[in-house]
Amino acid sequence: MSLIDPTILSASELAERIAILRDNIRQITEQAASQSGAADEERNADRLAQQSDELDVLLKEQEQRLSK
């Protein structure tokens, strides 16, 4: 898993990483819609879960910074 410590990112790096993750999630979702097969579905589900977990961590960090 490639979770990074969000506290070490600048505000612009944090926003950029959030945008990248959102785009990755969109792409994975599109790929899942066009593929079939249990192996593809499982791989896409794993990728989607990892990207979503990382996005959640970064969004929480961004929210904390904005509320200060």
PDB file of N, CA and C in Angstrom:
ATOM      1  N   MET A   1       0.853  -1.167   0.000  1.00  0.00           N
ATOM      2  CA  MET A   1       0.000   0.000   0.000  1.00  0.00           C
ATOM      3  C   MET A   1       0.900   1.231   0.000  1.00  0.00           C
ATOM      4  N   SER A   2       0.526   2.255  -0.749  1.00  0.00           N
ATOM      5  CA  SER A   2       1.395   3.410  -0.895  1.00  0.00           C
ATOM      6  C   SER A   2       0.912   4.616  -0.102  1.00  0.00           C
ATOM      7  N   LEU A   3       0.324   4.365   1.059  1.00  0.00           N
ATOM      8  CA  LEU A   3      -0.107   5.478   1.873  1.00  0.00           C
ATOM      9  C   LEU A   3       1.114   6.259   2.330  1.00  0.00           C
ATOM     10  N   ILE A   4       1.025   7.563   2.177  1.00  0.00           N
ATOM     11  CA  ILE A   4       2.114   8.422   2.612  1.00  0.00           C
ATOM     12  C   ILE A   4       1.642   9.227   3.806  1.00  0.00           C
ATOM     13  N   ASP A   5       2.589   9.771   4.535  1.00  0.00           N
ATOM     14  CA  ASP A   5       2.265  10.616   5.668  1.00  0.00           C
ATOM     15  C   ASP A   5       1.818  11.970   5.126  1.00  0.00           C
ATOM     16  N   PRO A   6       0.530  12.280   5.211  1.00  0.00           N
ATOM     17  CA  PRO A   6       0.039  13.511   4.606  1.00  0.00           C
ATOM     18  C   PRO A   6       0.549  14.770   5.293  1.00  0.00           C
ATOM     19  N   THR A   7       1.038  14.635   6.524  1.00  0.00           N
ATOM     20  CA  THR A   7       1.499  15.816   7.244  1.00  0.00           C
ATOM     21  C   THR A   7       2.782  16.385   6.660  1.00  0.00           C
ATOM     22  N   ILE A   8       3.492  15.607   5.857  1.00  0.00           N
ATOM     23  CA  ILE A   8       4.733  16.107   5.265  1.00  0.00           C
ATOM     24  C   ILE A   8       4.506  16.825   3.942  1.00  0.00           C
ATOM     25  N   LEU A   9       3.281  16.793   3.436  1.00  0.00           N
ATOM     26  CA  LEU A   9       2.968  17.423   2.156  1.00  0.00           C
ATOM     27  C   LEU A   9       2.602  18.887   2.350  1.00  0.00           C
ATOM     28  N   SER A  10       3.027  19.714   1.406  1.00  0.00           N
ATOM     29  CA  SER A  10       2.573  21.097   1.402  1.00  0.00           C
ATOM     30  C   SER A  10       1.102  21.111   0.984  1.00  0.00           C
ATOM     31  N   ALA A  11       0.449  22.245   1.155  1.00  0.00           N
ATOM     32  CA  ALA A  11      -0.965  22.352   0.775  1.00  0.00           C
ATOM     33  C   ALA A  11      -1.147  22.068  -0.710  1.00  0.00           C
ATOM     34  N   SER A  12      -0.252  22.567  -1.545  1.00  0.00           N
ATOM     35  CA  SER A  12      -0.385  22.338  -2.989  1.00  0.00           C
ATOM     36  C   SER A  12      -0.105  20.885  -3.347  1.00  0.00           C
ATOM     37  N   GLU A  13       0.856  20.264  -2.665  1.00  0.00           N
ATOM     38  CA  GLU A  13       1.139  18.842  -2.910  1.00  0.00           C
ATOM     39  C   GLU A  13      -0.051  17.987  -2.482  1.00  0.00           C
ATOM     40  N   LEU A  14      -0.661  18.355  -1.374  1.00  0.00           N
ATOM     41  CA  LEU A  14      -1.818  17.626  -0.875  1.00  0.00           C
ATOM     42  C   LEU A  14      -2.966  17.722  -1.880  1.00  0.00           C
ATOM     43  N   ALA A  15      -3.243  18.930  -2.359  1.00  0.00           N
ATOM     44  CA  ALA A  15      -4.312  19.122  -3.336  1.00  0.00           C
ATOM     45  C   ALA A  15      -4.016  18.364  -4.628  1.00  0.00           C
ATOM     46  N   GLU A  16      -2.759  18.369  -5.055  1.00  0.00           N
ATOM     47  CA  GLU A  16      -2.386  17.653  -6.281  1.00  0.00           C
ATOM     48  C   GLU A  16      -2.577  16.152  -6.116  1.00  0.00           C
ATOM     49  N   ARG A  17      -2.171  15.630  -4.979  1.00  0.00           N
ATOM     50  CA  ARG A  17      -2.311  14.187  -4.725  1.00  0.00           C
ATOM     51  C   ARG A  17      -3.789  13.790  -4.664  1.00  0.00           C
ATOM     52  N   ILE A  18      -4.622  14.633  -4.068  1.00  0.00           N
ATOM     53  CA  ILE A  18      -6.060  14.372  -4.016  1.00  0.00           C
ATOM     54  C   ILE A  18      -6.624  14.315  -5.428  1.00  0.00           C
ATOM     55  N   ALA A  19      -6.224  15.261  -6.275  1.00  0.00           N
ATOM     56  CA  ALA A  19      -6.704  15.280  -7.663  1.00  0.00           C
ATOM     57  C   ALA A  19      -6.266  14.029  -8.408  1.00  0.00           C
ATOM     58  N   ILE A  20      -5.037  13.607  -8.194  1.00  0.00           N
ATOM     59  CA  ILE A  20      -4.523  12.397  -8.850  1.00  0.00           C
ATOM     60  C   ILE A  20      -5.324  11.173  -8.414  1.00  0.00           C
ATOM     61  N   LEU A  21      -5.577  11.062  -7.116  1.00  0.00           N
ATOM     62  CA  LEU A  21      -6.331   9.913  -6.610  1.00  0.00           C
ATOM     63  C   LEU A  21      -7.751   9.897  -7.152  1.00  0.00           C
ATOM     64  N   ARG A  22      -8.376  11.062  -7.206  1.00  0.00           N
ATOM     65  CA  ARG A  22      -9.737  11.120  -7.761  1.00  0.00           C
ATOM     66  C   ARG A  22      -9.744  10.679  -9.219  1.00  0.00           C
ATOM     67  N   ASP A  23      -8.737  11.093  -9.977  1.00  0.00           N
ATOM     68  CA  ASP A  23      -8.647  10.678 -11.376  1.00  0.00           C
ATOM     69  C   ASP A  23      -8.383   9.178 -11.475  1.00  0.00           C
ATOM     70  N   ASN A  24      -7.510   8.655 -10.616  1.00  0.00           N
ATOM     71  CA  ASN A  24      -7.244   7.215 -10.608  1.00  0.00           C
ATOM     72  C   ASN A  24      -8.518   6.428 -10.333  1.00  0.00           C
ATOM     73  N   ILE A  25      -9.305   6.885  -9.355  1.00  0.00           N
ATOM     74  CA  ILE A  25     -10.550   6.202  -9.015  1.00  0.00           C
ATOM     75  C   ILE A  25     -11.509   6.233 -10.204  1.00  0.00           C
ATOM     76  N   ARG A  26     -11.596   7.379 -10.879  1.00  0.00           N
ATOM     77  CA  ARG A  26     -12.455   7.490 -12.063  1.00  0.00           C
ATOM     78  C   ARG A  26     -12.005   6.497 -13.136  1.00  0.00           C
ATOM     79  N   GLN A  27     -10.695   6.421 -13.373  1.00  0.00           N
ATOM     80  CA  GLN A  27     -10.168   5.516 -14.401  1.00  0.00           C
ATOM     81  C   GLN A  27     -10.417   4.047 -14.040  1.00  0.00           C
ATOM     82  N   ILE A  28     -10.208   3.692 -12.786  1.00  0.00           N
ATOM     83  CA  ILE A  28     -10.445   2.309 -12.346  1.00  0.00           C
ATOM     84  C   ILE A  28     -11.916   1.955 -12.532  1.00  0.00           C
ATOM     85  N   THR A  29     -12.797   2.884 -12.191  1.00  0.00           N
ATOM     86  CA  THR A  29     -14.231   2.648 -12.344  1.00  0.00           C
ATOM     87  C   THR A  29     -14.593   2.443 -13.807  1.00  0.00           C
ATOM     88  N   GLU A  30     -14.024   3.257 -14.683  1.00  0.00           N
ATOM     89  CA  GLU A  30     -14.279   3.105 -16.115  1.00  0.00           C
ATOM     90  C   GLU A  30     -13.746   1.771 -16.632  1.00  0.00           C
ATOM     91  N   GLN A  31     -12.556   1.382 -16.182  1.00  0.00           N
ATOM     92  CA  GLN A  31     -11.977   0.102 -16.594  1.00  0.00           C
ATOM     93  C   GLN A  31     -12.846  -1.053 -16.126  1.00  0.00           C
ATOM     94  N   ALA A  32     -13.329  -0.965 -14.901  1.00  0.00           N
ATOM     95  CA  ALA A  32     -14.161  -2.035 -14.344  1.00  0.00           C
ATOM     96  C   ALA A  32     -15.438  -2.196 -15.159  1.00  0.00           C
ATOM     97  N   ALA A  33     -15.975  -1.100 -15.634  1.00  0.00           N
ATOM     98  CA  ALA A  33     -17.212  -1.159 -16.421  1.00  0.00           C
ATOM     99  C   ALA A  33     -16.984  -1.816 -17.778  1.00  0.00           C
ATOM    100  N   SER A  34     -15.764  -1.730 -18.288  1.00  0.00           N
ATOM    101  CA  SER A  34     -15.506  -2.275 -19.618  1.00  0.00           C
ATOM    102  C   SER A  34     -14.897  -3.678 -19.589  1.00  0.00           C
ATOM    103  N   GLN A  35     -14.541  -4.169 -18.425  1.00  0.00           N
ATOM    104  CA  GLN A  35     -13.917  -5.487 -18.311  1.00  0.00           C
ATOM    105  C   GLN A  35     -14.904  -6.485 -17.712  1.00  0.00           C
ATOM    106  N   SER A  36     -14.602  -7.730 -17.965  1.00  0.00           N
ATOM    107  CA  SER A  36     -15.403  -8.777 -17.336  1.00  0.00           C
ATOM    108  C   SER A  36     -14.476  -9.872 -16.854  1.00  0.00           C
ATOM    109  N   GLY A  37     -14.951 -10.651 -15.942  1.00  0.00           N
ATOM    110  CA  GLY A  37     -14.158 -11.748 -15.398  1.00  0.00           C
ATOM    111  C   GLY A  37     -13.853 -11.522 -13.933  1.00  0.00           C
ATOM    112  N   ALA A  38     -13.856 -12.595 -13.182  1.00  0.00           N
ATOM    113  CA  ALA A  38     -13.668 -12.516 -11.738  1.00  0.00           C
ATOM    114  C   ALA A  38     -12.303 -11.945 -11.367  1.00  0.00           C
ATOM    115  N   ALA A  39     -11.258 -12.320 -12.090  1.00  0.00           N
ATOM    116  CA  ALA A  39      -9.916 -11.834 -11.779  1.00  0.00           C
ATOM    117  C   ALA A  39      -9.829 -10.331 -11.983  1.00  0.00           C
ATOM    118  N   ASP A  40     -10.400  -9.842 -13.080  1.00  0.00           N
ATOM    119  CA  ASP A  40     -10.412  -8.397 -13.345  1.00  0.00           C
ATOM    120  C   ASP A  40     -11.197  -7.655 -12.270  1.00  0.00           C
ATOM    121  N   GLU A  41     -12.350  -8.192 -11.900  1.00  0.00           N
ATOM    122  CA  GLU A  41     -13.184  -7.553 -10.891  1.00  0.00           C
ATOM    123  C   GLU A  41     -12.463  -7.477  -9.549  1.00  0.00           C
ATOM    124  N   GLU A  42     -11.803  -8.541  -9.168  1.00  0.00           N
ATOM    125  CA  GLU A  42     -11.094  -8.561  -7.889  1.00  0.00           C
ATOM    126  C   GLU A  42      -9.929  -7.580  -7.900  1.00  0.00           C
ATOM    127  N   ARG A  43      -9.171  -7.571  -8.991  1.00  0.00           N
ATOM    128  CA  ARG A  43      -8.031  -6.653  -9.098  1.00  0.00           C
ATOM    129  C   ARG A  43      -8.506  -5.206  -9.047  1.00  0.00           C
ATOM    130  N   ASN A  44      -9.561  -4.901  -9.791  1.00  0.00           N
ATOM    131  CA  ASN A  44     -10.094  -3.539  -9.785  1.00  0.00           C
ATOM    132  C   ASN A  44     -10.641  -3.152  -8.413  1.00  0.00           C
ATOM    133  N   ALA A  45     -11.295  -4.074  -7.744  1.00  0.00           N
ATOM    134  CA  ALA A  45     -11.829  -3.805  -6.410  1.00  0.00           C
ATOM    135  C   ALA A  45     -10.698  -3.515  -5.429  1.00  0.00           C
ATOM    136  N   ASP A  46      -9.608  -4.275  -5.522  1.00  0.00           N
ATOM    137  CA  ASP A  46      -8.458  -4.052  -4.652  1.00  0.00           C
ATOM    138  C   ASP A  46      -7.821  -2.692  -4.919  1.00  0.00           C
ATOM    139  N   ARG A  47      -7.659  -2.360  -6.184  1.00  0.00           N
ATOM    140  CA  ARG A  47      -7.070  -1.069  -6.564  1.00  0.00           C
ATOM    141  C   ARG A  47      -7.960   0.080  -6.114  1.00  0.00           C
ATOM    142  N   LEU A  48      -9.250  -0.084  -6.316  1.00  0.00           N
ATOM    143  CA  LEU A  48     -10.204   0.952  -5.925  1.00  0.00           C
ATOM    144  C   LEU A  48     -10.189   1.158  -4.407  1.00  0.00           C
ATOM    145  N   ALA A  49     -10.148   0.089  -3.655  1.00  0.00           N
ATOM    146  CA  ALA A  49     -10.110   0.186  -2.194  1.00  0.00           C
ATOM    147  C   ALA A  49      -8.845   0.891  -1.723  1.00  0.00           C
ATOM    148  N   GLN A  50      -7.707   0.559  -2.308  1.00  0.00           N
ATOM    149  CA  GLN A  50      -6.443   1.182  -1.918  1.00  0.00           C
ATOM    150  C   GLN A  50      -6.465   2.669  -2.222  1.00  0.00           C
ATOM    151  N   GLN A  51      -6.905   3.032  -3.408  1.00  0.00           N
ATOM    152  CA  GLN A  51      -6.944   4.433  -3.806  1.00  0.00           C
ATOM    153  C   GLN A  51      -7.947   5.210  -2.936  1.00  0.00           C
ATOM    154  N   SER A  52      -9.077   4.607  -2.634  1.00  0.00           N
ATOM    155  CA  SER A  52     -10.092   5.252  -1.797  1.00  0.00           C
ATOM    156  C   SER A  52      -9.585   5.459  -0.371  1.00  0.00           C
ATOM    157  N   ASP A  53      -8.879   4.469   0.165  1.00  0.00           N
ATOM    158  CA  ASP A  53      -8.317   4.595   1.508  1.00  0.00           C
ATOM    159  C   ASP A  53      -7.327   5.753   1.577  1.00  0.00           C
ATOM    160  N   GLU A  54      -6.453   5.829   0.589  1.00  0.00           N
ATOM    161  CA  GLU A  54      -5.471   6.907   0.575  1.00  0.00           C
ATOM    162  C   GLU A  54      -6.164   8.263   0.412  1.00  0.00           C
ATOM    163  N   LEU A  55      -7.174   8.325  -0.446  1.00  0.00           N
ATOM    164  CA  LEU A  55      -7.913   9.566  -0.641  1.00  0.00           C
ATOM    165  C   LEU A  55      -8.567  10.006   0.669  1.00  0.00           C
ATOM    166  N   ASP A  56      -9.154   9.079   1.395  1.00  0.00           N
ATOM    167  CA  ASP A  56      -9.789   9.407   2.677  1.00  0.00           C
ATOM    168  C   ASP A  56      -8.786  10.031   3.646  1.00  0.00           C
ATOM    169  N   VAL A  57      -7.594   9.463   3.731  1.00  0.00           N
ATOM    170  CA  VAL A  57      -6.559   9.979   4.627  1.00  0.00           C
ATOM    171  C   VAL A  57      -6.185  11.407   4.223  1.00  0.00           C
ATOM    172  N   LEU A  58      -5.993  11.631   2.938  1.00  0.00           N
ATOM    173  CA  LEU A  58      -5.588  12.955   2.473  1.00  0.00           C
ATOM    174  C   LEU A  58      -6.704  13.982   2.651  1.00  0.00           C
ATOM    175  N   LEU A  59      -7.939  13.586   2.408  1.00  0.00           N
ATOM    176  CA  LEU A  59      -9.048  14.511   2.599  1.00  0.00           C
ATOM    177  C   LEU A  59      -9.201  14.904   4.070  1.00  0.00           C
ATOM    178  N   LYS A  60      -8.981  13.960   4.975  1.00  0.00           N
ATOM    179  CA  LYS A  60      -9.038  14.267   6.408  1.00  0.00           C
ATOM    180  C   LYS A  60      -7.945  15.267   6.782  1.00  0.00           C
ATOM    181  N   GLU A  61      -6.767  15.070   6.252  1.00  0.00           N
ATOM    182  CA  GLU A  61      -5.664  15.995   6.523  1.00  0.00           C
ATOM    183  C   GLU A  61      -5.993  17.379   5.976  1.00  0.00           C
ATOM    184  N   GLN A  62      -6.517  17.435   4.771  1.00  0.00           N
ATOM    185  CA  GLN A  62      -6.875  18.717   4.167  1.00  0.00           C
ATOM    186  C   GLN A  62      -7.948  19.422   5.006  1.00  0.00           C
ATOM    187  N   GLU A  63      -8.934  18.672   5.451  1.00  0.00           N
ATOM    188  CA  GLU A  63     -10.005  19.237   6.269  1.00  0.00           C
ATOM    189  C   GLU A  63      -9.464  19.789   7.584  1.00  0.00           C
ATOM    190  N   GLN A  64      -8.548  19.049   8.203  1.00  0.00           N
ATOM    191  CA  GLN A  64      -7.941  19.511   9.462  1.00  0.00           C
ATOM    192  C   GLN A  64      -7.188  20.819   9.237  1.00  0.00           C
ATOM    193  N   ARG A  65      -6.460  20.916   8.140  1.00  0.00           N
ATOM    194  CA  ARG A  65      -5.707  22.131   7.869  1.00  0.00           C
ATOM    195  C   ARG A  65      -6.624  23.317   7.623  1.00  0.00           C
ATOM    196  N   LEU A  66      -7.734  23.083   6.947  1.00  0.00           N
ATOM    197  CA  LEU A  66      -8.653  24.170   6.628  1.00  0.00           C
ATOM    198  C   LEU A  66      -9.410  24.656   7.867  1.00  0.00           C
ATOM    199  N   SER A  67      -9.569  23.795   8.850  1.00  0.00           N
ATOM    200  CA  SER A  67     -10.322  24.170  10.054  1.00  0.00           C
ATOM    201  C   SER A  67      -9.451  24.882  11.099  1.00  0.00           C
ATOM    202  N   LYS A  68      -8.176  24.991  10.840  1.00  0.00           N
ATOM    203  CA  LYS A  68      -7.276  25.666  11.791  1.00  0.00           C
ATOM    204  C   LYS A  68      -7.319  27.163  11.604  1.00  0.00           C
TER     205      LYS A  68
END
